[in-house]
Every structure is written in structure tokens, then in C-alpha cells.
Full PDB file with SEQRES, HELIX, SHEET, SSBOND, CRYST1, ORIGX, SCALE, CONECT and MASTER records, all heavy atoms in Angstrom:
SEQRES   1 A   42  LYS ILE THR LEU LEU MET ASN THR ASP ILE GLU LYS VAL          
SEQRES   2 A   42  GLU ALA SER GLY GLU LYS VAL ARG VAL VAL PHE LYS ASP          
SEQRES   3 A   42  GLY ARG SER MET GLU PHE ASP TYR VAL PHE TYR CYS LEU          
SEQRES   4 A   42  GLY GLY ARG                                                  
SHEET    1 AA1 3 ILE A  10  SER A  16  0                                        
SHEET    2 AA1 3 LYS A  19  PHE A  24 -1                                        
SHEET    3 AA1 3 SER A  29  PHE A  32 -1                                        
CRYST1    1.000    1.000    1.000  90.00  90.00  90.00 P 1           1          
ORIGX1      1.000000  0.000000  0.000000        0.00000                         
ORIGX2      0.000000  1.000000  0.000000        0.00000                         
ORIGX3      0.000000  0.000000  1.000000        0.00000                         
SCALE1      1.000000  0.000000  0.000000        0.00000                         
SCALE2      0.000000  1.000000  0.000000        0.00000                         
SCALE3      0.000000  0.000000  1.000000        0.00000                         
ATOM      1  N   LYS A   1       0.826  -1.220   0.041  1.00  0.00           N  
ATOM      2  CA  LYS A   1      -0.001   0.030  -0.012  1.00  0.00           C  
ATOM      3  C   LYS A   1       0.823   1.287  -0.025  1.00  0.00           C  
ATOM      4  O   LYS A   1       0.344   2.331  -0.326  1.00  0.00           O  
ATOM      5  CB  LYS A   1      -0.937  -0.026   1.198  1.00  0.00           C  
ATOM      6  CG  LYS A   1      -1.985  -1.088   1.070  1.00  0.00           C  
ATOM      7  CD  LYS A   1      -2.979  -1.028   2.180  1.00  0.00           C  
ATOM      8  CE  LYS A   1      -4.018  -2.120   1.964  1.00  0.00           C  
ATOM      9  NZ  LYS A   1      -5.077  -2.064   2.980  1.00  0.00           N  
ATOM     10  N   ILE A   2       2.083   1.164   0.402  1.00  0.00           N  
ATOM     11  CA  ILE A   2       3.033   2.278   0.418  1.00  0.00           C  
ATOM     12  C   ILE A   2       4.338   1.817  -0.218  1.00  0.00           C  
ATOM     13  O   ILE A   2       4.836   0.737   0.110  1.00  0.00           O  
ATOM     14  CB  ILE A   2       3.262   2.814   1.802  1.00  0.00           C  
ATOM     15  CG1 ILE A   2       1.984   3.358   2.441  1.00  0.00           C  
ATOM     16  CG2 ILE A   2       4.331   3.917   1.832  1.00  0.00           C  
ATOM     17  CD1 ILE A   2       2.102   3.850   3.851  1.00  0.00           C  
ATOM     18  N   THR A   3       4.917   2.681  -1.093  1.00  0.00           N  
ATOM     19  CA  THR A   3       6.239   2.432  -1.657  1.00  0.00           C  
ATOM     20  C   THR A   3       7.187   3.476  -1.070  1.00  0.00           C  
ATOM     21  O   THR A   3       6.903   4.655  -1.120  1.00  0.00           O  
ATOM     22  CB  THR A   3       6.242   2.540  -3.183  1.00  0.00           C  
ATOM     23  OG1 THR A   3       5.312   1.574  -3.693  1.00  0.00           O  
ATOM     24  CG2 THR A   3       7.632   2.331  -3.770  1.00  0.00           C  
ATOM     25  N   LEU A   4       8.266   2.999  -0.440  1.00  0.00           N  
ATOM     26  CA  LEU A   4       9.221   3.872   0.139  1.00  0.00           C  
ATOM     27  C   LEU A   4      10.318   4.303  -0.903  1.00  0.00           C  
ATOM     28  O   LEU A   4      10.808   3.477  -1.589  1.00  0.00           O  
ATOM     29  CB  LEU A   4       9.912   3.267   1.362  1.00  0.00           C  
ATOM     30  CG  LEU A   4       9.022   2.881   2.540  1.00  0.00           C  
ATOM     31  CD1 LEU A   4       9.839   2.186   3.594  1.00  0.00           C  
ATOM     32  CD2 LEU A   4       8.333   4.090   3.093  1.00  0.00           C  
ATOM     33  N   LEU A   5      10.562   5.551  -0.901  1.00  0.00           N  
ATOM     34  CA  LEU A   5      11.664   6.141  -1.718  1.00  0.00           C  
ATOM     35  C   LEU A   5      12.694   6.693  -0.757  1.00  0.00           C  
ATOM     36  O   LEU A   5      12.700   7.909  -0.449  1.00  0.00           O  
ATOM     37  CB  LEU A   5      11.129   7.234  -2.654  1.00  0.00           C  
ATOM     38  CG  LEU A   5      10.000   6.866  -3.635  1.00  0.00           C  
ATOM     39  CD1 LEU A   5       9.480   8.068  -4.342  1.00  0.00           C  
ATOM     40  CD2 LEU A   5      10.503   5.786  -4.582  1.00  0.00           C  
ATOM     41  N   MET A   6      13.529   5.805  -0.218  1.00  0.00           N  
ATOM     42  CA  MET A   6      14.509   6.194   0.827  1.00  0.00           C  
ATOM     43  C   MET A   6      15.703   6.801   0.176  1.00  0.00           C  
ATOM     44  O   MET A   6      16.025   6.515  -0.984  1.00  0.00           O  
ATOM     45  CB  MET A   6      14.847   4.964   1.629  1.00  0.00           C  
ATOM     46  CG  MET A   6      13.684   4.228   2.316  1.00  0.00           C  
ATOM     47  SD  MET A   6      12.737   5.317   3.414  1.00  0.00           S  
ATOM     48  CE  MET A   6      13.887   5.481   4.763  1.00  0.00           C  
ATOM     49  N   ASN A   7      16.351   7.699   0.960  1.00  0.00           N  
ATOM     50  CA  ASN A   7      17.621   8.336   0.539  1.00  0.00           C  
ATOM     51  C   ASN A   7      17.384   9.086  -0.708  1.00  0.00           C  
ATOM     52  O   ASN A   7      18.231   9.096  -1.633  1.00  0.00           O  
ATOM     53  CB  ASN A   7      18.700   7.251   0.354  1.00  0.00           C  
ATOM     54  CG  ASN A   7      20.070   7.874   0.580  1.00  0.00           C  
ATOM     55  OD1 ASN A   7      20.254   8.826   1.297  1.00  0.00           O  
ATOM     56  ND2 ASN A   7      21.065   7.285  -0.063  1.00  0.00           N  
ATOM     57  N   THR A   8      16.221   9.805  -0.813  1.00  0.00           N  
ATOM     58  CA  THR A   8      15.953  10.627  -1.994  1.00  0.00           C  
ATOM     59  C   THR A   8      15.899  12.060  -1.575  1.00  0.00           C  
ATOM     60  O   THR A   8      15.416  12.422  -0.466  1.00  0.00           O  
ATOM     61  CB  THR A   8      14.540  10.247  -2.583  1.00  0.00           C  
ATOM     62  OG1 THR A   8      13.525  10.271  -1.584  1.00  0.00           O  
ATOM     63  CG2 THR A   8      14.590   8.882  -3.241  1.00  0.00           C  
ATOM     64  N   ASP A   9      16.424  12.924  -2.357  1.00  0.00           N  
ATOM     65  CA  ASP A   9      16.472  14.353  -2.101  1.00  0.00           C  
ATOM     66  C   ASP A   9      15.751  15.063  -3.216  1.00  0.00           C  
ATOM     67  O   ASP A   9      16.118  14.950  -4.417  1.00  0.00           O  
ATOM     68  CB  ASP A   9      17.947  14.805  -2.031  1.00  0.00           C  
ATOM     69  CG  ASP A   9      18.142  15.998  -1.175  1.00  0.00           C  
ATOM     70  OD1 ASP A   9      17.162  16.577  -0.666  1.00  0.00           O  
ATOM     71  OD2 ASP A   9      19.302  16.425  -1.034  1.00  0.00           O  
ATOM     72  N   ILE A  10      14.709  15.790  -2.893  1.00  0.00           N  
ATOM     73  CA  ILE A  10      13.904  16.509  -3.874  1.00  0.00           C  
ATOM     74  C   ILE A  10      14.548  17.855  -4.238  1.00  0.00           C  
ATOM     75  O   ILE A  10      14.841  18.620  -3.363  1.00  0.00           O  
ATOM     76  CB  ILE A  10      12.478  16.706  -3.338  1.00  0.00           C  
ATOM     77  CG1 ILE A  10      11.807  15.324  -3.153  1.00  0.00           C  
ATOM     78  CG2 ILE A  10      11.657  17.559  -4.325  1.00  0.00           C  
ATOM     79  CD1 ILE A  10      10.496  15.408  -2.463  1.00  0.00           C  
ATOM     80  N   GLU A  11      14.736  18.032  -5.511  1.00  0.00           N  
ATOM     81  CA  GLU A  11      15.287  19.298  -6.008  1.00  0.00           C  
ATOM     82  C   GLU A  11      14.236  20.375  -6.235  1.00  0.00           C  
ATOM     83  O   GLU A  11      14.370  21.512  -5.844  1.00  0.00           O  
ATOM     84  CB  GLU A  11      16.047  19.116  -7.355  1.00  0.00           C  
ATOM     85  CG  GLU A  11      16.707  20.350  -7.860  1.00  0.00           C  
ATOM     86  CD  GLU A  11      17.509  20.107  -9.093  1.00  0.00           C  
ATOM     87  OE1 GLU A  11      18.139  18.982  -9.182  1.00  0.00           O  
ATOM     88  OE2 GLU A  11      17.547  20.968  -9.969  1.00  0.00           O  
ATOM     89  N   LYS A  12      13.104  19.931  -6.848  1.00  0.00           N  
ATOM     90  CA  LYS A  12      11.986  20.863  -7.037  1.00  0.00           C  
ATOM     91  C   LYS A  12      10.690  20.113  -7.307  1.00  0.00           C  
ATOM     92  O   LYS A  12      10.715  18.931  -7.604  1.00  0.00           O  
ATOM     93  CB  LYS A  12      12.282  21.801  -8.202  1.00  0.00           C  
ATOM     94  CG  LYS A  12      12.429  21.146  -9.568  1.00  0.00           C  
ATOM     95  CD  LYS A  12      12.778  22.163 -10.638  1.00  0.00           C  
ATOM     96  CE  LYS A  12      13.075  21.476 -11.945  1.00  0.00           C  
ATOM     97  NZ  LYS A  12      13.355  22.468 -13.001  1.00  0.00           N  
ATOM     98  N   VAL A  13       9.624  20.871  -7.133  1.00  0.00           N  
ATOM     99  CA  VAL A  13       8.246  20.372  -7.397  1.00  0.00           C  
ATOM    100  C   VAL A  13       7.616  21.352  -8.360  1.00  0.00           C  
ATOM    101  O   VAL A  13       7.722  22.544  -8.140  1.00  0.00           O  
ATOM    102  CB  VAL A  13       7.449  20.294  -6.070  1.00  0.00           C  
ATOM    103  CG1 VAL A  13       6.047  19.826  -6.338  1.00  0.00           C  
ATOM    104  CG2 VAL A  13       8.124  19.312  -5.096  1.00  0.00           C  
ATOM    105  N   GLU A  14       6.989  20.834  -9.423  1.00  0.00           N  
ATOM    106  CA  GLU A  14       6.415  21.748 -10.404  1.00  0.00           C  
ATOM    107  C   GLU A  14       5.157  21.210 -10.993  1.00  0.00           C  
ATOM    108  O   GLU A  14       4.908  19.972 -10.922  1.00  0.00           O  
ATOM    109  CB  GLU A  14       7.453  22.024 -11.521  1.00  0.00           C  
ATOM    110  CG  GLU A  14       7.915  20.757 -12.257  1.00  0.00           C  
ATOM    111  CD  GLU A  14       9.146  20.993 -13.145  1.00  0.00           C  
ATOM    112  OE1 GLU A  14       9.816  22.051 -13.025  1.00  0.00           O  
ATOM    113  OE2 GLU A  14       9.383  20.075 -13.953  1.00  0.00           O  
ATOM    114  N   ALA A  15       4.379  22.021 -11.585  1.00  0.00           N  
ATOM    115  CA  ALA A  15       3.114  21.632 -12.270  1.00  0.00           C  
ATOM    116  C   ALA A  15       3.487  20.851 -13.540  1.00  0.00           C  
ATOM    117  O   ALA A  15       4.445  21.207 -14.196  1.00  0.00           O  
ATOM    118  CB  ALA A  15       2.297  22.804 -12.563  1.00  0.00           C  
ATOM    119  N   SER A  16       2.700  19.850 -13.820  1.00  0.00           N  
ATOM    120  CA  SER A  16       2.864  19.103 -15.057  1.00  0.00           C  
ATOM    121  C   SER A  16       1.470  18.733 -15.535  1.00  0.00           C  
ATOM    122  O   SER A  16       0.979  17.620 -15.236  1.00  0.00           O  
ATOM    123  CB  SER A  16       3.695  17.851 -14.783  1.00  0.00           C  
ATOM    124  OG  SER A  16       3.838  17.088 -16.026  1.00  0.00           O  
ATOM    125  N   GLY A  17       0.847  19.655 -16.213  1.00  0.00           N  
ATOM    126  CA  GLY A  17      -0.580  19.456 -16.568  1.00  0.00           C  
ATOM    127  C   GLY A  17      -1.458  19.408 -15.337  1.00  0.00           C  
ATOM    128  O   GLY A  17      -1.356  20.273 -14.485  1.00  0.00           O  
ATOM    129  N   GLU A  18      -2.196  18.326 -15.214  1.00  0.00           N  
ATOM    130  CA  GLU A  18      -3.079  18.214 -14.034  1.00  0.00           C  
ATOM    131  C   GLU A  18      -2.326  17.525 -12.836  1.00  0.00           C  
ATOM    132  O   GLU A  18      -2.887  17.316 -11.805  1.00  0.00           O  
ATOM    133  CB  GLU A  18      -4.273  17.338 -14.375  1.00  0.00           C  
ATOM    134  CG  GLU A  18      -5.235  18.034 -15.410  1.00  0.00           C  
ATOM    135  CD  GLU A  18      -5.892  19.250 -14.815  1.00  0.00           C  
ATOM    136  OE1 GLU A  18      -6.343  19.179 -13.669  1.00  0.00           O  
ATOM    137  OE2 GLU A  18      -5.995  20.262 -15.531  1.00  0.00           O  
ATOM    138  N   LYS A  19      -1.082  17.147 -13.086  1.00  0.00           N  
ATOM    139  CA  LYS A  19      -0.331  16.399 -12.064  1.00  0.00           C  
ATOM    140  C   LYS A  19       0.788  17.287 -11.466  1.00  0.00           C  
ATOM    141  O   LYS A  19       0.954  18.427 -11.891  1.00  0.00           O  
ATOM    142  CB  LYS A  19       0.301  15.162 -12.713  1.00  0.00           C  
ATOM    143  CG  LYS A  19      -0.731  14.191 -13.239  1.00  0.00           C  
ATOM    144  CD  LYS A  19      -0.301  12.810 -13.111  1.00  0.00           C  
ATOM    145  CE  LYS A  19      -1.415  11.886 -13.635  1.00  0.00           C  
ATOM    146  NZ  LYS A  19      -1.867  11.041 -12.572  1.00  0.00           N  
ATOM    147  N   VAL A  20       1.487  16.729 -10.497  1.00  0.00           N  
ATOM    148  CA  VAL A  20       2.621  17.395  -9.847  1.00  0.00           C  
ATOM    149  C   VAL A  20       3.870  16.596 -10.204  1.00  0.00           C  
ATOM    150  O   VAL A  20       3.883  15.371  -9.974  1.00  0.00           O  
ATOM    151  CB  VAL A  20       2.449  17.448  -8.322  1.00  0.00           C  
ATOM    152  CG1 VAL A  20       3.620  18.138  -7.690  1.00  0.00           C  
ATOM    153  CG2 VAL A  20       1.124  18.127  -7.967  1.00  0.00           C  
ATOM    154  N   ARG A  21       4.832  17.285 -10.769  1.00  0.00           N  
ATOM    155  CA  ARG A  21       6.077  16.613 -11.113  1.00  0.00           C  
ATOM    156  C   ARG A  21       7.129  16.888  -9.990  1.00  0.00           C  
ATOM    157  O   ARG A  21       7.362  18.030  -9.622  1.00  0.00           O  
ATOM    158  CB  ARG A  21       6.613  17.171 -12.399  1.00  0.00           C  
ATOM    159  CG  ARG A  21       7.897  16.464 -12.903  1.00  0.00           C  
ATOM    160  CD  ARG A  21       8.218  17.001 -14.279  1.00  0.00           C  
ATOM    161  NE  ARG A  21       9.052  16.063 -14.981  1.00  0.00           N  
ATOM    162  CZ  ARG A  21      10.201  16.384 -15.530  1.00  0.00           C  
ATOM    163  NH1 ARG A  21      10.601  17.641 -15.577  1.00  0.00           N  
ATOM    164  NH2 ARG A  21      10.904  15.484 -16.139  1.00  0.00           N  
ATOM    165  N   VAL A  22       7.730  15.817  -9.510  1.00  0.00           N  
ATOM    166  CA  VAL A  22       8.720  15.881  -8.482  1.00  0.00           C  
ATOM    167  C   VAL A  22      10.097  15.522  -9.162  1.00  0.00           C  
ATOM    168  O   VAL A  22      10.184  14.451  -9.782  1.00  0.00           O  
ATOM    169  CB  VAL A  22       8.486  14.927  -7.299  1.00  0.00           C  
ATOM    170  CG1 VAL A  22       9.647  14.941  -6.330  1.00  0.00           C  
ATOM    171  CG2 VAL A  22       7.144  15.321  -6.627  1.00  0.00           C  
ATOM    172  N   VAL A  23      11.037  16.469  -9.112  1.00  0.00           N  
ATOM    173  CA  VAL A  23      12.368  16.229  -9.679  1.00  0.00           C  
ATOM    174  C   VAL A  23      13.313  15.973  -8.531  1.00  0.00           C  
ATOM    175  O   VAL A  23      13.431  16.804  -7.600  1.00  0.00           O  
ATOM    176  CB  VAL A  23      12.799  17.453 -10.486  1.00  0.00           C  
ATOM    177  CG1 VAL A  23      14.185  17.198 -11.084  1.00  0.00           C  
ATOM    178  CG2 VAL A  23      11.783  17.709 -11.624  1.00  0.00           C  
ATOM    179  N   PHE A  24      14.009  14.867  -8.577  1.00  0.00           N  
ATOM    180  CA  PHE A  24      14.969  14.484  -7.562  1.00  0.00           C  
ATOM    181  C   PHE A  24      16.346  14.928  -7.976  1.00  0.00           C  
ATOM    182  O   PHE A  24      16.671  15.091  -9.145  1.00  0.00           O  
ATOM    183  CB  PHE A  24      14.952  12.968  -7.322  1.00  0.00           C  
ATOM    184  CG  PHE A  24      13.602  12.470  -6.855  1.00  0.00           C  
ATOM    185  CD1 PHE A  24      12.721  11.961  -7.785  1.00  0.00           C  
ATOM    186  CD2 PHE A  24      13.287  12.500  -5.484  1.00  0.00           C  
ATOM    187  CE1 PHE A  24      11.464  11.455  -7.327  1.00  0.00           C  
ATOM    188  CE2 PHE A  24      12.031  12.007  -5.075  1.00  0.00           C  
ATOM    189  CZ  PHE A  24      11.129  11.469  -5.982  1.00  0.00           C  
ATOM    190  N   LYS A  25      17.229  15.181  -6.950  1.00  0.00           N  
ATOM    191  CA  LYS A  25      18.526  15.652  -7.241  1.00  0.00           C  
ATOM    192  C   LYS A  25      19.394  14.667  -8.016  1.00  0.00           C  
ATOM    193  O   LYS A  25      20.363  15.121  -8.625  1.00  0.00           O  
ATOM    194  CB  LYS A  25      19.244  16.063  -5.949  1.00  0.00           C  
ATOM    195  CG  LYS A  25      18.690  17.325  -5.348  1.00  0.00           C  
ATOM    196  CD  LYS A  25      19.502  17.848  -4.242  1.00  0.00           C  
ATOM    197  CE  LYS A  25      18.928  19.192  -3.707  1.00  0.00           C  
ATOM    198  NZ  LYS A  25      19.627  19.669  -2.580  1.00  0.00           N  
ATOM    199  N   ASP A  26      19.011  13.437  -8.094  1.00  0.00           N  
ATOM    200  CA  ASP A  26      19.748  12.417  -8.872  1.00  0.00           C  
ATOM    201  C   ASP A  26      19.357  12.438 -10.347  1.00  0.00           C  
ATOM    202  O   ASP A  26      19.826  11.627 -11.122  1.00  0.00           O  
ATOM    203  CB  ASP A  26      19.690  11.029  -8.297  1.00  0.00           C  
ATOM    204  CG  ASP A  26      18.294  10.421  -8.363  1.00  0.00           C  
ATOM    205  OD1 ASP A  26      17.343  11.092  -8.937  1.00  0.00           O  
ATOM    206  OD2 ASP A  26      18.087   9.312  -7.826  1.00  0.00           O  
ATOM    207  N   GLY A  27      18.478  13.309 -10.692  1.00  0.00           N  
ATOM    208  CA  GLY A  27      18.033  13.450 -12.119  1.00  0.00           C  
ATOM    209  C   GLY A  27      16.691  12.785 -12.440  1.00  0.00           C  
ATOM    210  O   GLY A  27      16.069  13.037 -13.445  1.00  0.00           O  
ATOM    211  N   ARG A  28      16.270  11.887 -11.597  1.00  0.00           N  
ATOM    212  CA  ARG A  28      15.001  11.154 -11.809  1.00  0.00           C  
ATOM    213  C   ARG A  28      13.823  12.143 -11.540  1.00  0.00           C  
ATOM    214  O   ARG A  28      13.979  13.120 -10.845  1.00  0.00           O  
ATOM    215  CB  ARG A  28      14.800  10.005 -10.866  1.00  0.00           C  
ATOM    216  CG  ARG A  28      15.756   8.846 -11.097  1.00  0.00           C  
ATOM    217  CD  ARG A  28      15.466   7.676 -10.163  1.00  0.00           C  
ATOM    218  NE  ARG A  28      15.532   8.133  -8.745  1.00  0.00           N  
ATOM    219  CZ  ARG A  28      14.742   7.753  -7.794  1.00  0.00           C  
ATOM    220  NH1 ARG A  28      13.768   6.919  -8.039  1.00  0.00           N  
ATOM    221  NH2 ARG A  28      14.870   8.179  -6.593  1.00  0.00           N  
ATOM    222  N   SER A  29      12.701  11.850 -12.137  1.00  0.00           N  
ATOM    223  CA  SER A  29      11.484  12.574 -11.834  1.00  0.00           C  
ATOM    224  C   SER A  29      10.329  11.638 -11.869  1.00  0.00           C  
ATOM    225  O   SER A  29      10.374  10.589 -12.538  1.00  0.00           O  
ATOM    226  CB  SER A  29      11.289  13.709 -12.840  1.00  0.00           C  
ATOM    227  OG  SER A  29      11.001  13.265 -14.114  1.00  0.00           O  
ATOM    228  N   MET A  30       9.258  11.997 -11.130  1.00  0.00           N  
ATOM    229  CA  MET A  30       8.051  11.184 -11.077  1.00  0.00           C  
ATOM    230  C   MET A  30       6.851  12.171 -11.011  1.00  0.00           C  
ATOM    231  O   MET A  30       6.998  13.281 -10.535  1.00  0.00           O  
ATOM    232  CB  MET A  30       8.016  10.312  -9.810  1.00  0.00           C  
ATOM    233  CG  MET A  30       9.149   9.314  -9.748  1.00  0.00           C  
ATOM    234  SD  MET A  30       9.118   8.368  -8.185  1.00  0.00           S  
ATOM    235  CE  MET A  30       7.737   7.259  -8.455  1.00  0.00           C  
ATOM    236  N   GLU A  31       5.700  11.698 -11.528  1.00  0.00           N  
ATOM    237  CA  GLU A  31       4.527  12.547 -11.514  1.00  0.00           C  
ATOM    238  C   GLU A  31       3.490  11.912 -10.546  1.00  0.00           C  
ATOM    239  O   GLU A  31       3.365  10.692 -10.500  1.00  0.00           O  
ATOM    240  CB  GLU A  31       3.926  12.667 -12.915  1.00  0.00           C  
ATOM    241  CG  GLU A  31       4.780  13.555 -13.811  1.00  0.00           C  
ATOM    242  CD  GLU A  31       4.123  13.846 -15.135  1.00  0.00           C  
ATOM    243  OE1 GLU A  31       3.025  13.363 -15.374  1.00  0.00           O  
ATOM    244  OE2 GLU A  31       4.698  14.642 -15.894  1.00  0.00           O  
ATOM    245  N   PHE A  32       2.796  12.813  -9.833  1.00  0.00           N  
ATOM    246  CA  PHE A  32       1.859  12.356  -8.841  1.00  0.00           C  
ATOM    247  C   PHE A  32       0.535  13.211  -8.971  1.00  0.00           C  
ATOM    248  O   PHE A  32       0.582  14.311  -9.492  1.00  0.00           O  
ATOM    249  CB  PHE A  32       2.401  12.620  -7.410  1.00  0.00           C  
ATOM    250  CG  PHE A  32       3.691  11.848  -7.169  1.00  0.00           C  
ATOM    251  CD1 PHE A  32       4.937  12.447  -7.373  1.00  0.00           C  
ATOM    252  CD2 PHE A  32       3.660  10.489  -6.800  1.00  0.00           C  
ATOM    253  CE1 PHE A  32       6.124  11.731  -7.142  1.00  0.00           C  
ATOM    254  CE2 PHE A  32       4.848   9.814  -6.576  1.00  0.00           C  
ATOM    255  CZ  PHE A  32       6.089  10.369  -6.750  1.00  0.00           C  
ATOM    256  N   ASP A  33      -0.525  12.651  -8.430  1.00  0.00           N  
ATOM    257  CA  ASP A  33      -1.784  13.378  -8.387  1.00  0.00           C  
ATOM    258  C   ASP A  33      -1.748  14.448  -7.310  1.00  0.00           C  
ATOM    259  O   ASP A  33      -2.289  15.571  -7.444  1.00  0.00           O  
ATOM    260  CB  ASP A  33      -2.980  12.448  -8.165  1.00  0.00           C  
ATOM    261  CG  ASP A  33      -3.164  11.489  -9.319  1.00  0.00           C  
ATOM    262  OD1 ASP A  33      -3.091  11.947 -10.449  1.00  0.00           O  
ATOM    263  OD2 ASP A  33      -3.402  10.306  -9.024  1.00  0.00           O  
ATOM    264  N   TYR A  34      -1.107  14.131  -6.153  1.00  0.00           N  
ATOM    265  CA  TYR A  34      -1.071  15.008  -5.008  1.00  0.00           C  
ATOM    266  C   TYR A  34       0.261  14.841  -4.309  1.00  0.00           C  
ATOM    267  O   TYR A  34       0.906  13.816  -4.389  1.00  0.00           O  
ATOM    268  CB  TYR A  34      -2.154  14.653  -3.962  1.00  0.00           C  
ATOM    269  CG  TYR A  34      -3.515  14.669  -4.501  1.00  0.00           C  
ATOM    270  CD1 TYR A  34      -4.175  13.444  -4.888  1.00  0.00           C  
ATOM    271  CD2 TYR A  34      -4.236  15.811  -4.641  1.00  0.00           C  
ATOM    272  CE1 TYR A  34      -5.418  13.414  -5.391  1.00  0.00           C  
ATOM    273  CE2 TYR A  34      -5.541  15.816  -5.157  1.00  0.00           C  
ATOM    274  CZ  TYR A  34      -6.110  14.625  -5.514  1.00  0.00           C  
ATOM    275  OH  TYR A  34      -7.406  14.609  -6.020  1.00  0.00           O  
ATOM    276  N   VAL A  35       0.719  15.912  -3.689  1.00  0.00           N  
ATOM    277  CA  VAL A  35       1.957  15.865  -2.923  1.00  0.00           C  
ATOM    278  C   VAL A  35       1.670  16.483  -1.523  1.00  0.00           C  
ATOM    279  O   VAL A  35       1.060  17.573  -1.479  1.00  0.00           O  
ATOM    280  CB  VAL A  35       3.087  16.665  -3.612  1.00  0.00           C  
ATOM    281  CG1 VAL A  35       4.321  16.798  -2.705  1.00  0.00           C  
ATOM    282  CG2 VAL A  35       3.445  16.040  -4.875  1.00  0.00           C  
ATOM    283  N   PHE A  36       1.999  15.803  -0.466  1.00  0.00           N  
ATOM    284  CA  PHE A  36       1.879  16.291   0.893  1.00  0.00           C  
ATOM    285  C   PHE A  36       3.284  16.551   1.478  1.00  0.00           C  
ATOM    286  O   PHE A  36       4.125  15.633   1.365  1.00  0.00           O  
ATOM    287  CB  PHE A  36       1.124  15.279   1.754  1.00  0.00           C  
ATOM    288  CG  PHE A  36      -0.275  15.049   1.305  1.00  0.00           C  
ATOM    289  CD1 PHE A  36      -0.564  14.077   0.350  1.00  0.00           C  
ATOM    290  CD2 PHE A  36      -1.316  15.859   1.835  1.00  0.00           C  
ATOM    291  CE1 PHE A  36      -1.870  13.866  -0.046  1.00  0.00           C  
ATOM    292  CE2 PHE A  36      -2.596  15.627   1.400  1.00  0.00           C  
ATOM    293  CZ  PHE A  36      -2.925  14.656   0.447  1.00  0.00           C  
ATOM    294  N   TYR A  37       3.504  17.666   2.016  1.00  0.00           N  
ATOM    295  CA  TYR A  37       4.789  17.990   2.629  1.00  0.00           C  
ATOM    296  C   TYR A  37       4.744  17.737   4.154  1.00  0.00           C  
ATOM    297  O   TYR A  37       3.800  18.189   4.801  1.00  0.00           O  
ATOM    298  CB  TYR A  37       5.136  19.496   2.417  1.00  0.00           C  
ATOM    299  CG  TYR A  37       5.411  19.908   1.024  1.00  0.00           C  
ATOM    300  CD1 TYR A  37       4.371  20.365   0.249  1.00  0.00           C  
ATOM    301  CD2 TYR A  37       6.664  19.821   0.489  1.00  0.00           C  
ATOM    302  CE1 TYR A  37       4.613  20.760  -1.020  1.00  0.00           C  
ATOM    303  CE2 TYR A  37       6.932  20.216  -0.817  1.00  0.00           C  
ATOM    304  CZ  TYR A  37       5.845  20.703  -1.583  1.00  0.00           C  
ATOM    305  OH  TYR A  37       6.110  21.094  -2.835  1.00  0.00           O  
ATOM    306  N   CYS A  38       5.696  16.986   4.625  1.00  0.00           N  
ATOM    307  CA  CYS A  38       5.927  16.846   6.055  1.00  0.00           C  
ATOM    308  C   CYS A  38       7.284  17.337   6.345  1.00  0.00           C  
ATOM    309  O   CYS A  38       8.280  16.687   6.100  1.00  0.00           O  
ATOM    310  CB  CYS A  38       5.763  15.374   6.468  1.00  0.00           C  
ATOM    311  SG  CYS A  38       4.149  14.704   6.139  1.00  0.00           S  
ATOM    312  N   LEU A  39       7.380  18.611   6.806  1.00  0.00           N  
ATOM    313  CA  LEU A  39       8.635  19.297   6.779  1.00  0.00           C  
ATOM    314  C   LEU A  39       9.373  19.396   8.097  1.00  0.00           C  
ATOM    315  O   LEU A  39      10.421  19.902   8.179  1.00  0.00           O  
ATOM    316  CB  LEU A  39       8.385  20.751   6.245  1.00  0.00           C  
ATOM    317  CG  LEU A  39       7.767  20.822   4.863  1.00  0.00           C  
ATOM    318  CD1 LEU A  39       7.399  22.249   4.538  1.00  0.00           C  
ATOM    319  CD2 LEU A  39       8.701  20.269   3.844  1.00  0.00           C  
ATOM    320  N   GLY A  40       8.791  18.903   9.137  1.00  0.00           N  
ATOM    321  CA  GLY A  40       9.459  18.887  10.419  1.00  0.00           C  
ATOM    322  C   GLY A  40       9.258  20.296  11.145  1.00  0.00           C  
ATOM    323  O   GLY A  40       8.304  21.011  10.883  1.00  0.00           O  
ATOM    324  N   GLY A  41      10.211  20.661  11.971  1.00  0.00           N  
ATOM    325  CA  GLY A  41      10.099  21.814  12.814  1.00  0.00           C  
ATOM    326  C   GLY A  41      10.224  23.169  12.115  1.00  0.00           C  
ATOM    327  O   GLY A  41       9.604  24.104  12.520  1.00  0.00           O  
ATOM    328  N   ARG A  42      11.036  23.213  11.086  1.00  0.00           N  
ATOM    329  CA  ARG A  42      11.255  24.454  10.350  1.00  0.00           C  
ATOM    330  C   ARG A  42      10.986  24.303   8.882  1.00  0.00           C  
ATOM    331  O   ARG A  42      11.530  23.391   8.273  1.00  0.00           O  
ATOM    332  CB  ARG A  42      12.668  24.964  10.566  1.00  0.00           C  
ATOM    333  CG  ARG A  42      12.969  25.329  12.018  1.00  0.00           C  
ATOM    334  CD  ARG A  42      14.351  25.893  12.185  1.00  0.00           C  
ATOM    335  NE  ARG A  42      14.702  26.881  11.187  1.00  0.00           N  
ATOM    336  CZ  ARG A  42      15.932  27.267  10.880  1.00  0.00           C  
ATOM    337  NH1 ARG A  42      16.940  26.752  11.558  1.00  0.00           N  
ATOM    338  NH2 ARG A  42      16.130  28.150   9.918  1.00  0.00           N  
TER     339      ARG A  42                                                      
MASTER        0    0    0    0    3    0    0    6  338    1    0    4          
END                                                                             
């Protein structure tokens, strides 16, 4: 029910049509319907 993407560093998040494109610092990218940020204390 959940896929973990461990040791991943997000470079940027951008619109991609009706989806959200997440670009990782290693050059990979993935598209999602929704993105939720859990950012910690700051």
C-alpha cells in the first residue's frame, strides 16, 4: 500500500498538466496526483 523512496532528495516540485512533477537531485522525476509535505520543525 506504500512504496518507500528512501535516501531521496527532492530538487523541485512543479506543475505538469493536471499532475505534480517531483524532480529528484539524482536526475529522476516522477509525476503524482497529489503531494503532501511533512517538513518537520522548520
